[in-house]
Amino acid sequence: MIDTIEIVIPWPPSVNNYRAIYNNRLITSSAGRRYKSFVTKIAAKSNWQSFGNARLSVELILFPPDRRRWDLDNRVKPVLDVLQEVGIYNNDNQIDELIVKRTDSSNKLSHPARVQVRIHRLELNDAHSD
């Protein structure tokens, strides 16, 4: 049973571009499918293990591609969804703590656009229930 994993994944598409409506149905857009494909390949090479149904704490550190004023909350949902889709956890409703940070992207050579993800299993007495 794993307690913590730290992973690095590519910079995500905006939530506005991650999903699309087609024939009155909400589907994953082509940008979303490409992103999922990238993360799936990383997951396959990295042999990530699943947290199953455990209650979780997730920290996202976003390294934007440039100095624009990126709206961070538009990047969170695609990251959480793709981690669920590749099997890191069963459902993003397991996340009881979510911390999102942005870094300075002034040095792109040492900080290419990406998201560093740290997922930690919460003890039962740490998890908050509804």
C-alpha atoms as a PDB file:
ATOM      1  CA  MET A   1       0.000   0.000   0.000  1.00  0.00           C
ATOM      2  CA  ILE A   2       1.481   3.327  -1.044  1.00  0.00           C
ATOM      3  CA  ASP A   3       1.274   6.420   1.145  1.00  0.00           C
ATOM      4  CA  THR A   4       2.654   9.136  -1.145  1.00  0.00           C
ATOM      5  CA  ILE A   5       3.562   9.565  -4.776  1.00  0.00           C
ATOM      6  CA  GLU A   6       5.174  12.500  -6.547  1.00  0.00           C
ATOM      7  CA  ILE A   7       4.791  12.769 -10.282  1.00  0.00           C
ATOM      8  CA  VAL A   8       5.399  15.317 -13.027  1.00  0.00           C
ATOM      9  CA  ILE A   9       2.941  15.664 -15.882  1.00  0.00           C
ATOM     10  CA  PRO A  10       2.682  18.069 -18.817  1.00  0.00           C
ATOM     11  CA  TRP A  11       0.978  21.447 -18.631  1.00  0.00           C
ATOM     12  CA  PRO A  12      -2.768  20.752 -19.002  1.00  0.00           C
ATOM     13  CA  PRO A  13      -5.292  22.266 -21.375  1.00  0.00           C
ATOM     14  CA  SER A  14      -7.761  24.682 -19.834  1.00  0.00           C
ATOM     15  CA  VAL A  15     -10.967  23.219 -18.439  1.00  0.00           C
ATOM     16  CA  ASN A  16     -12.644  25.302 -21.166  1.00  0.00           C
ATOM     17  CA  ASN A  17     -10.788  23.238 -23.795  1.00  0.00           C
ATOM     18  CA  TYR A  18     -10.712  19.873 -22.034  1.00  0.00           C
ATOM     19  CA  ARG A  19     -14.370  19.033 -22.637  1.00  0.00           C
ATOM     20  CA  ALA A  20     -16.663  19.748 -25.583  1.00  0.00           C
ATOM     21  CA  ILE A  21     -20.335  19.318 -26.380  1.00  0.00           C
ATOM     22  CA  TYR A  22     -21.106  17.006 -29.279  1.00  0.00           C
ATOM     23  CA  ASN A  23     -24.671  15.984 -30.166  1.00  0.00           C
ATOM     24  CA  ASN A  24     -25.863  17.409 -26.834  1.00  0.00           C
ATOM     25  CA  ARG A  25     -23.378  15.255 -24.904  1.00  0.00           C
ATOM     26  CA  LEU A  26     -20.357  16.334 -22.917  1.00  0.00           C
ATOM     27  CA  ILE A  27     -17.288  14.579 -24.313  1.00  0.00           C
ATOM     28  CA  THR A  28     -13.527  14.866 -23.924  1.00  0.00           C
ATOM     29  CA  SER A  29     -12.235  17.225 -26.619  1.00  0.00           C
ATOM     30  CA  SER A  30      -9.333  16.458 -28.955  1.00  0.00           C
ATOM     31  CA  ALA A  31      -7.070  18.567 -26.699  1.00  0.00           C
ATOM     32  CA  GLY A  32      -8.291  16.550 -23.709  1.00  0.00           C
ATOM     33  CA  ARG A  33      -7.697  13.246 -25.507  1.00  0.00           C
ATOM     34  CA  ARG A  34      -4.154  14.303 -26.471  1.00  0.00           C
ATOM     35  CA  TYR A  35      -3.443  15.316 -22.875  1.00  0.00           C
ATOM     36  CA  LYS A  36      -4.800  12.020 -21.540  1.00  0.00           C
ATOM     37  CA  SER A  37      -2.643  10.160 -24.077  1.00  0.00           C
ATOM     38  CA  PHE A  38       0.502  11.993 -22.903  1.00  0.00           C
ATOM     39  CA  VAL A  39      -0.229  11.297 -19.246  1.00  0.00           C
ATOM     40  CA  THR A  40      -1.150   7.662 -19.969  1.00  0.00           C
ATOM     41  CA  LYS A  41       2.248   7.133 -21.639  1.00  0.00           C
ATOM     42  CA  ILE A  42       4.020   8.703 -18.657  1.00  0.00           C
ATOM     43  CA  ALA A  43       2.005   6.516 -16.279  1.00  0.00           C
ATOM     44  CA  ALA A  44       2.879   3.357 -18.221  1.00  0.00           C
ATOM     45  CA  LYS A  45       6.603   4.134 -18.071  1.00  0.00           C
ATOM     46  CA  SER A  46       6.473   5.157 -14.419  1.00  0.00           C
ATOM     47  CA  ASN A  47       4.523   2.149 -13.094  1.00  0.00           C
ATOM     48  CA  TRP A  48       2.349   4.317 -10.854  1.00  0.00           C
ATOM     49  CA  GLN A  49       0.280   2.488  -8.281  1.00  0.00           C
ATOM     50  CA  SER A  50      -3.327   3.215  -7.440  1.00  0.00           C
ATOM     51  CA  PHE A  51      -4.618   4.626  -4.173  1.00  0.00           C
ATOM     52  CA  GLY A  52      -7.910   2.814  -4.756  1.00  0.00           C
ATOM     53  CA  ASN A  53     -10.676   4.373  -2.642  1.00  0.00           C
ATOM     54  CA  ALA A  54      -8.407   6.021  -0.036  1.00  0.00           C
ATOM     55  CA  ARG A  55      -9.071   9.574   1.159  1.00  0.00           C
ATOM     56  CA  LEU A  56      -6.410  11.836  -0.336  1.00  0.00           C
ATOM     57  CA  SER A  57      -4.493  15.065  -0.069  1.00  0.00           C
ATOM     58  CA  VAL A  58      -3.331  16.485  -3.416  1.00  0.00           C
ATOM     59  CA  GLU A  59      -0.813  19.260  -3.995  1.00  0.00           C
ATOM     60  CA  LEU A  60      -0.389  20.710  -7.491  1.00  0.00           C
ATOM     61  CA  ILE A  61       2.535  22.981  -8.309  1.00  0.00           C
ATOM     62  CA  LEU A  62       1.959  24.596 -11.676  1.00  0.00           C
ATOM     63  CA  PHE A  63       4.858  25.766 -13.816  1.00  0.00           C
ATOM     64  CA  PRO A  64       3.147  27.934 -16.494  1.00  0.00           C
ATOM     65  CA  PRO A  65       4.627  28.119 -19.989  1.00  0.00           C
ATOM     66  CA  ASP A  66       5.005  31.908 -19.818  1.00  0.00           C
ATOM     67  CA  ARG A  67       4.334  34.977 -17.667  1.00  0.00           C
ATOM     68  CA  ARG A  68       0.711  35.485 -18.703  1.00  0.00           C
ATOM     69  CA  ARG A  69      -1.919  35.720 -15.993  1.00  0.00           C
ATOM     70  CA  TRP A  70      -3.017  32.108 -16.045  1.00  0.00           C
ATOM     71  CA  ASP A  71      -6.252  31.343 -14.239  1.00  0.00           C
ATOM     72  CA  LEU A  72      -5.136  28.430 -12.044  1.00  0.00           C
ATOM     73  CA  ASP A  73      -8.542  26.949 -11.335  1.00  0.00           C
ATOM     74  CA  ASN A  74      -9.000  26.347 -15.078  1.00  0.00           C
ATOM     75  CA  ARG A  75      -6.024  23.954 -14.977  1.00  0.00           C
ATOM     76  CA  VAL A  76      -6.972  21.976 -11.865  1.00  0.00           C
ATOM     77  CA  LYS A  77      -9.977  19.966 -13.093  1.00  0.00           C
ATOM     78  CA  PRO A  78      -8.224  18.537 -16.193  1.00  0.00           C
ATOM     79  CA  VAL A  79      -5.302  17.409 -14.004  1.00  0.00           C
ATOM     80  CA  LEU A  80      -7.564  15.766 -11.421  1.00  0.00           C
ATOM     81  CA  ASP A  81      -9.691  14.130 -14.124  1.00  0.00           C
ATOM     82  CA  VAL A  82      -6.748  12.698 -16.046  1.00  0.00           C
ATOM     83  CA  LEU A  83      -5.178  11.290 -12.873  1.00  0.00           C
ATOM     84  CA  GLN A  84      -8.465   9.518 -12.209  1.00  0.00           C
ATOM     85  CA  GLU A  85      -8.680   8.289 -15.811  1.00  0.00           C
ATOM     86  CA  VAL A  86      -5.183   6.741 -15.665  1.00  0.00           C
ATOM     87  CA  GLY A  87      -6.046   4.975 -12.409  1.00  0.00           C
ATOM     88  CA  ILE A  88      -4.162   6.893  -9.718  1.00  0.00           C
ATOM     89  CA  TYR A  89      -7.400   6.997  -7.708  1.00  0.00           C
ATOM     90  CA  ASN A  90     -10.924   5.780  -8.361  1.00  0.00           C
ATOM     91  CA  ASN A  91     -12.725   9.128  -8.184  1.00  0.00           C
ATOM     92  CA  ASP A  92     -11.612  12.698  -7.610  1.00  0.00           C
ATOM     93  CA  ASN A  93     -14.279  12.988  -4.903  1.00  0.00           C
ATOM     94  CA  GLN A  94     -11.763  11.124  -2.695  1.00  0.00           C
ATOM     95  CA  ILE A  95      -9.730  14.329  -2.434  1.00  0.00           C
ATOM     96  CA  ASP A  96     -10.267  15.967   0.962  1.00  0.00           C
ATOM     97  CA  GLU A  97      -7.359  18.421   0.717  1.00  0.00           C
ATOM     98  CA  LEU A  98      -6.343  20.289  -2.423  1.00  0.00           C
ATOM     99  CA  ILE A  99      -3.441  22.736  -2.537  1.00  0.00           C
ATOM    100  CA  VAL A 100      -2.642  24.598  -5.756  1.00  0.00           C
ATOM    101  CA  LYS A 101       0.471  26.731  -6.199  1.00  0.00           C
ATOM    102  CA  ARG A 102       1.926  28.658  -9.127  1.00  0.00           C
ATOM    103  CA  THR A 103       5.650  29.116  -9.627  1.00  0.00           C
ATOM    104  CA  ASP A 104       7.576  31.857 -11.323  1.00  0.00           C
ATOM    105  CA  SER A 105       8.057  30.871 -14.959  1.00  0.00           C
ATOM    106  CA  SER A 106      10.869  33.353 -15.659  1.00  0.00           C
ATOM    107  CA  ASN A 107      13.480  30.613 -16.141  1.00  0.00           C
ATOM    108  CA  LYS A 108      11.950  28.266 -18.717  1.00  0.00           C
ATOM    109  CA  LEU A 109      15.127  26.184 -19.120  1.00  0.00           C
ATOM    110  CA  SER A 110      15.097  25.003 -15.534  1.00  0.00           C
ATOM    111  CA  HIS A 111      11.292  25.095 -15.238  1.00  0.00           C
ATOM    112  CA  PRO A 112       9.568  23.903 -18.420  1.00  0.00           C
ATOM    113  CA  ALA A 113       5.765  24.100 -18.412  1.00  0.00           C
ATOM    114  CA  ARG A 114       4.474  21.246 -16.285  1.00  0.00           C
ATOM    115  CA  VAL A 115       2.591  20.262 -13.152  1.00  0.00           C
ATOM    116  CA  GLN A 116       4.268  18.620 -10.195  1.00  0.00           C
ATOM    117  CA  VAL A 117       1.765  16.475  -8.358  1.00  0.00           C
ATOM    118  CA  ARG A 118       2.071  15.142  -4.836  1.00  0.00           C
ATOM    119  CA  ILE A 119      -0.648  12.783  -3.649  1.00  0.00           C
ATOM    120  CA  HIS A 120      -0.740  11.607  -0.058  1.00  0.00           C
ATOM    121  CA  ARG A 121      -3.026   9.034   1.542  1.00  0.00           C
ATOM    122  CA  LEU A 122      -4.835  10.560   4.515  1.00  0.00           C
ATOM    123  CA  GLU A 123      -5.276   8.638   7.735  1.00  0.00           C
ATOM    124  CA  LEU A 124      -8.911   7.891   8.502  1.00  0.00           C
ATOM    125  CA  ASN A 125      -8.957  10.377  11.364  1.00  0.00           C
ATOM    126  CA  ASP A 126      -7.428  13.067   9.064  1.00  0.00           C
ATOM    127  CA  ALA A 127     -10.100  12.684   6.384  1.00  0.00           C
ATOM    128  CA  HIS A 128     -13.171  14.875   6.542  1.00  0.00           C
ATOM    129  CA  SER A 129     -16.498  13.268   5.781  1.00  0.00           C
ATOM    130  CA  ASP A 130     -19.637  14.990   4.537  1.00  0.00           C
END
